[in-house]
Structure formats: C-alpha cells, structure tokens
Amino acid sequence: MIAEHSTAANTRERIVVAACRLLAEGGREAVSTRAVSAAAGVQAPTIYRLFGDKRGLLDAVAAHGLSTYLNGKADRTPSADPVADLRRGWDRHVGFGLANPALFALIYGEPRPGESPPAAVVASDHLARTIRRIAEAGRLRVGEERAAHLIQGACCGTTLMLIALPEERRDATLSDMTREALLTAITTDVPAPATPGPVGAAVALRALLPRTAVLTPNEGALLHEWLDRIAGG
C-alpha cells in the first residue's frame, strides 16, 4: 500500500513538473492533456485519475509554481518594521510575476466568482500575516481585510499590466508609485495611539485581541464586533 502511494505521488509530481515546463515554454495553450501526457510519459486517463480534470491539473501547476517561489523566500526573517516587509513583499511579488508571466496569469488572470484558486489562497495567507503584524504595531489605518484586498488587487493588477506590455515599454516606476501611494493610504509612520482618531487604535486592538485571555468567548466576540464597527471593516 505504501509503495502504491509512493508511486502515485511520484507520478503526480512528474506530471506537474512536465506541465510546469510546458507552461513556462509555451504558455497555457501548450498545456494540453496530450502534450502533458507525452512529456510526463503517462496515459491521458492517469491525468484525469490524479487531477480530476484539466482545471485540477492547472491548479496543481499553479500551486507547485507558487510553492517553489514561497519556499525560496522562506529564509527571509521578518524585520522589526512590518511596513518595510510589506514593501519588499510587493516588490518580490511583482518580480515573480515578470519572471513567470504565464504562471502568474494562471494564478491571477482568471478570476472565479465566489472562489479563489488554491495557489492564490496560499499567497493571500502570507499577505494576511504581514498585514496582521502591521495592525498589531498600531500602524494600519483601515481594517485588515480591506488592507489585504487593496494590496492584493493593486499589486496583481499592476503586475498583469506590466506583463501585458512589451519589455521595452515597461516602466518599473509605475509599480513603485502604486505601492507607495497605497502604503501612504493604509499605513501610518507611527503607532495608532500617537495618531488622532479611533480607527487605527481599533484596528490595532482587534489584531491583538486573540492574545487577550481575560475575556470570555462571548465578551471577546462582542468586543470584536464593536471594533469592527469602529474600524469600518
């Protein structure tokens, strides 16, 4: 049984790696079931058995490509400045997209109403952790979810636009300007308690709420609801 599982896992990995190579070399159109079967040395039914359908295969390809990218930056220890970390994360994400245009378009270029590709969910989780650190530091002007949507939408949109342009027409300062304008809108240079207004303080307290052990679950839920209302989402 273990040997069968290992064989299936090896076959699955071989198929995904072959599909990733085809995607990088020829774009999504090159990732046909026939081409992947030939490149991986398997029969087409094997692909359907392991991935369900072509969408399942493409999701696996996207997850593999993004995992390779994220694992490559896993050794980057967070700094004492979470806003600086977010800035560097933006630049790395844009760089990843420009270096892997077909993969980036596969992950972000085809929105699915009501759902997200698994790879995009993983990337969103990484972003959410950085934004939580900014909120805990009292430097977030808006709610965490809104900040995440703004960052992801602007970063992915900018990257897709740059991908669509011929290389000689790409203006790298467009990414820099978009990033800085957005960071100015959603973050502060100093912690919220030193900044007038209740929104930043509410966002910071909401982020730190899970560390509070003195409240009952009902009290915590009620306070979270109030803070949500103050922070505006």
Protein backbone atom coordinates (compact mmCIF):
# COMPACT_ATOMS: atom_id res chain seq x y z
CA MET A 1 0.00 0.00 0.00
CA ILE A 2 2.82 2.39 0.90
CA ALA A 3 4.62 1.54 -2.34
CA GLU A 4 1.45 2.24 -4.35
CA HIS A 5 1.00 5.60 -2.62
CA SER A 6 4.64 6.49 -3.28
CA THR A 7 4.30 5.51 -6.94
CA ALA A 8 1.17 7.64 -7.33
CA ALA A 9 2.88 10.60 -5.64
CA ASN A 10 5.91 10.27 -7.91
CA THR A 11 3.70 10.04 -11.00
CA ARG A 12 1.73 13.08 -9.86
CA GLU A 13 4.90 15.10 -9.32
CA ARG A 14 6.26 14.06 -12.72
CA ILE A 15 3.07 15.22 -14.41
CA VAL A 16 3.05 18.56 -12.57
CA VAL A 17 6.71 19.23 -13.35
CA ALA A 18 6.14 18.41 -17.03
CA ALA A 19 3.10 20.69 -17.15
CA CYS A 20 5.06 23.50 -15.45
CA ARG A 21 7.76 23.22 -18.07
CA LEU A 22 5.24 23.33 -20.90
CA LEU A 23 3.54 26.35 -19.32
CA ALA A 24 6.83 28.24 -19.00
CA GLU A 25 7.89 27.43 -22.57
CA GLY A 26 4.63 27.88 -24.44
CA GLY A 27 2.03 29.47 -22.19
CA ARG A 28 -1.27 27.99 -21.14
CA GLU A 29 -2.16 26.86 -24.67
CA ALA A 30 0.81 24.49 -24.57
CA VAL A 31 -0.56 22.65 -21.53
CA SER A 32 -2.86 20.26 -23.34
CA THR A 33 -3.66 16.83 -21.95
CA ARG A 34 -1.94 15.23 -24.94
CA ALA A 35 1.21 17.33 -24.55
CA VAL A 36 1.43 16.75 -20.80
CA SER A 37 0.87 13.01 -21.25
CA ALA A 38 3.70 12.81 -23.76
CA ALA A 39 6.07 14.98 -21.70
CA ALA A 40 5.43 13.04 -18.49
CA GLY A 41 5.37 9.61 -20.14
CA VAL A 42 1.86 8.69 -18.92
CA GLN A 43 -1.50 7.94 -20.47
CA ALA A 44 -4.21 10.64 -20.50
CA PRO A 45 -6.51 8.64 -18.14
CA THR A 46 -3.78 8.84 -15.50
CA ILE A 47 -4.02 12.64 -15.53
CA TYR A 48 -7.78 12.55 -15.10
CA ARG A 49 -7.49 9.96 -12.33
CA LEU A 50 -4.99 12.05 -10.36
CA PHE A 51 -6.32 15.56 -11.03
CA GLY A 52 -9.98 15.10 -11.96
CA ASP A 53 -9.90 17.40 -14.98
CA LYS A 54 -7.67 19.95 -16.69
CA ARG A 55 -8.65 22.64 -14.21
CA GLY A 56 -7.45 20.39 -11.41
CA LEU A 57 -4.15 19.92 -13.21
CA LEU A 58 -3.73 23.65 -13.77
CA ASP A 59 -4.50 24.33 -10.10
CA ALA A 60 -1.77 21.84 -9.16
CA VAL A 61 0.65 23.53 -11.56
CA ALA A 62 -0.12 26.94 -10.05
CA ALA A 63 0.27 25.59 -6.51
CA HIS A 64 3.61 23.97 -7.38
CA GLY A 65 4.98 27.11 -9.01
CA LEU A 66 3.89 29.37 -6.17
CA SER A 67 5.16 26.92 -3.53
CA THR A 68 8.57 26.92 -5.18
CA TYR A 69 8.56 30.74 -5.09
CA LEU A 70 7.40 30.98 -1.48
CA ASN A 71 9.83 28.32 -0.26
CA GLY A 72 12.60 30.27 -1.92
CA LYS A 73 11.89 33.24 0.36
CA ALA A 74 11.12 31.22 3.50
CA ASP A 75 14.51 32.09 4.98
CA ARG A 76 13.73 35.80 4.97
CA THR A 77 13.21 36.51 8.65
CA PRO A 78 10.67 39.29 9.30
CA SER A 79 12.28 42.56 10.29
CA ALA A 80 11.28 44.90 13.08
CA ASP A 81 9.40 47.05 10.55
CA PRO A 82 6.37 45.19 9.12
CA VAL A 83 5.60 48.01 6.67
CA ALA A 84 9.09 47.67 5.19
CA ASP A 85 8.48 43.91 4.96
CA LEU A 86 5.24 44.57 3.07
CA ARG A 87 7.07 46.90 0.71
CA ARG A 88 9.70 44.23 0.00
CA GLY A 89 6.98 41.60 -0.39
CA TRP A 90 5.25 43.74 -3.01
CA ASP A 91 8.48 44.08 -4.99
CA ARG A 92 9.18 40.35 -4.81
CA HIS A 93 5.65 39.54 -5.97
CA VAL A 94 5.92 41.87 -8.96
CA GLY A 95 9.32 40.39 -9.76
CA PHE A 96 7.90 36.88 -9.53
CA GLY A 97 5.16 37.80 -11.98
CA LEU A 98 7.51 39.37 -14.51
CA ALA A 99 9.86 36.38 -14.31
CA ASN A 100 6.99 33.88 -14.61
CA PRO A 101 4.31 35.62 -16.70
CA ALA A 102 2.36 32.51 -17.76
CA LEU A 103 2.29 31.14 -14.21
CA PHE A 104 1.27 34.50 -12.73
CA ALA A 105 -1.52 34.85 -15.28
CA LEU A 106 -2.66 31.32 -14.47
CA ILE A 107 -2.93 32.19 -10.77
CA TYR A 108 -4.40 35.69 -11.01
CA GLY A 109 -5.53 36.28 -14.57
CA GLU A 110 -8.81 34.34 -14.50
CA PRO A 111 -10.94 35.39 -11.51
CA ARG A 112 -13.52 32.85 -10.39
CA PRO A 113 -16.67 34.43 -8.95
CA GLY A 114 -17.07 33.38 -5.34
CA GLU A 115 -13.82 31.42 -5.09
CA SER A 116 -10.07 31.69 -5.48
CA PRO A 117 -7.55 29.25 -6.96
CA PRO A 118 -5.78 27.30 -4.18
CA ALA A 119 -2.45 28.95 -5.03
CA ALA A 120 -3.95 32.43 -4.67
CA VAL A 121 -5.33 31.45 -1.25
CA VAL A 122 -1.85 30.45 -0.08
CA ALA A 123 -0.40 33.76 -1.25
CA SER A 124 -3.25 35.63 0.46
CA ASP A 125 -2.46 33.87 3.74
CA HIS A 126 1.14 35.06 3.57
CA LEU A 127 -0.04 38.61 2.90
CA ALA A 128 -2.56 38.43 5.75
CA ARG A 129 0.19 37.53 8.23
CA THR A 130 2.22 40.59 7.26
CA ILE A 131 -0.81 42.85 7.49
CA ARG A 132 -1.63 41.41 10.92
CA ARG A 133 1.84 42.43 12.10
CA ILE A 134 1.24 45.96 10.83
CA ALA A 135 -2.08 46.06 12.66
CA GLU A 136 -0.51 44.75 15.87
CA ALA A 137 2.06 47.54 15.64
CA GLY A 138 -0.78 50.07 15.50
CA ARG A 139 0.20 51.30 12.05
CA LEU A 140 -2.83 50.28 9.97
CA ARG A 141 -5.39 52.95 9.04
CA VAL A 142 -8.04 50.53 7.75
CA GLY A 143 -9.32 47.08 8.63
CA GLU A 144 -7.07 44.11 7.91
CA GLU A 145 -9.37 42.56 5.31
CA ARG A 146 -9.75 45.82 3.44
CA ALA A 147 -6.00 46.36 3.51
CA ALA A 148 -5.41 42.86 2.13
CA HIS A 149 -7.89 43.39 -0.70
CA LEU A 150 -6.36 46.75 -1.59
CA ILE A 151 -2.79 45.42 -1.59
CA GLN A 152 -3.57 42.24 -3.50
CA GLY A 153 -5.76 43.96 -6.07
CA ALA A 154 -3.28 46.76 -6.73
CA CYS A 155 -0.19 44.55 -6.78
CA CYS A 156 -1.69 41.87 -9.03
CA GLY A 157 -3.31 44.42 -11.32
CA THR A 158 -0.07 46.34 -11.71
CA THR A 159 1.87 43.15 -12.40
CA LEU A 160 -0.61 41.91 -15.02
CA MET A 161 -0.48 45.30 -16.72
CA LEU A 162 3.31 45.22 -16.84
CA ILE A 163 3.26 41.65 -18.17
CA ALA A 164 0.97 42.76 -20.99
CA LEU A 165 3.37 45.50 -22.07
CA PRO A 166 6.34 44.83 -24.36
CA GLU A 167 9.50 44.69 -22.24
CA GLU A 168 10.90 47.85 -23.83
CA ARG A 169 7.80 49.79 -22.73
CA ARG A 170 7.67 48.61 -19.12
CA ASP A 171 8.11 51.41 -16.63
CA ALA A 172 9.24 49.97 -13.29
CA THR A 173 8.41 53.24 -11.54
CA LEU A 174 4.69 52.52 -12.09
CA SER A 175 4.92 49.70 -9.56
CA ASP A 176 6.88 51.89 -7.13
CA MET A 177 4.39 54.76 -7.39
CA THR A 178 1.36 52.50 -6.94
CA ARG A 179 2.96 50.78 -3.96
CA GLU A 180 3.89 53.99 -2.17
CA ALA A 181 0.53 55.66 -2.82
CA LEU A 182 -1.26 52.65 -1.38
CA LEU A 183 1.03 52.31 1.64
CA THR A 184 0.52 56.00 2.39
CA ALA A 185 -3.25 55.49 2.27
CA ILE A 186 -3.43 52.44 4.53
CA THR A 187 -0.49 52.74 6.95
CA THR A 188 0.97 55.31 9.32
CA ASP A 189 4.56 56.18 10.20
CA VAL A 190 3.82 56.00 13.92
CA PRO A 191 1.66 53.68 16.04
CA ALA A 192 -2.03 54.49 16.20
CA PRO A 193 -2.07 55.68 19.86
CA ALA A 194 0.13 58.61 18.77
CA THR A 195 -2.18 59.34 15.84
CA PRO A 196 -5.52 61.17 16.31
CA GLY A 197 -8.63 59.18 15.54
CA PRO A 198 -10.13 55.92 16.78
CA VAL A 199 -9.82 53.81 13.62
CA GLY A 200 -6.12 52.96 13.93
CA ALA A 201 -6.50 52.20 17.63
CA ALA A 202 -9.47 49.93 16.93
CA VAL A 203 -7.58 48.07 14.21
CA ALA A 204 -4.57 47.57 16.49
CA LEU A 205 -6.68 46.38 19.43
CA ARG A 206 -8.63 43.99 17.20
CA ALA A 207 -5.38 42.46 15.91
CA LEU A 208 -4.12 41.96 19.47
CA LEU A 209 -7.44 40.62 20.79
CA PRO A 210 -6.52 36.92 20.30
CA ARG A 211 -3.71 37.40 22.84
CA THR A 212 -6.17 38.59 25.49
CA ALA A 213 -7.06 35.83 27.93
CA VAL A 214 -9.17 37.85 30.40
CA LEU A 215 -12.33 37.90 28.26
CA THR A 216 -14.86 35.11 27.89
CA PRO A 217 -15.55 33.91 24.33
CA ASN A 218 -18.82 35.88 24.30
CA GLU A 219 -17.15 39.02 25.59
CA GLY A 220 -14.37 38.65 23.01
CA ALA A 221 -16.87 38.22 20.19
CA LEU A 222 -18.84 41.28 21.29
CA LEU A 223 -15.72 43.43 21.58
CA HIS A 224 -14.56 42.21 18.16
CA GLU A 225 -17.90 43.26 16.69
CA TRP A 226 -17.62 46.73 18.23
CA LEU A 227 -14.05 47.13 16.99
CA ASP A 228 -15.13 46.02 13.52
CA ARG A 229 -17.76 48.72 13.52
CA ILE A 230 -15.27 51.40 14.60
CA ALA A 231 -12.64 50.27 12.10
CA GLY A 232 -15.17 50.16 9.30
CA GLY A 233 -14.35 46.56 8.29
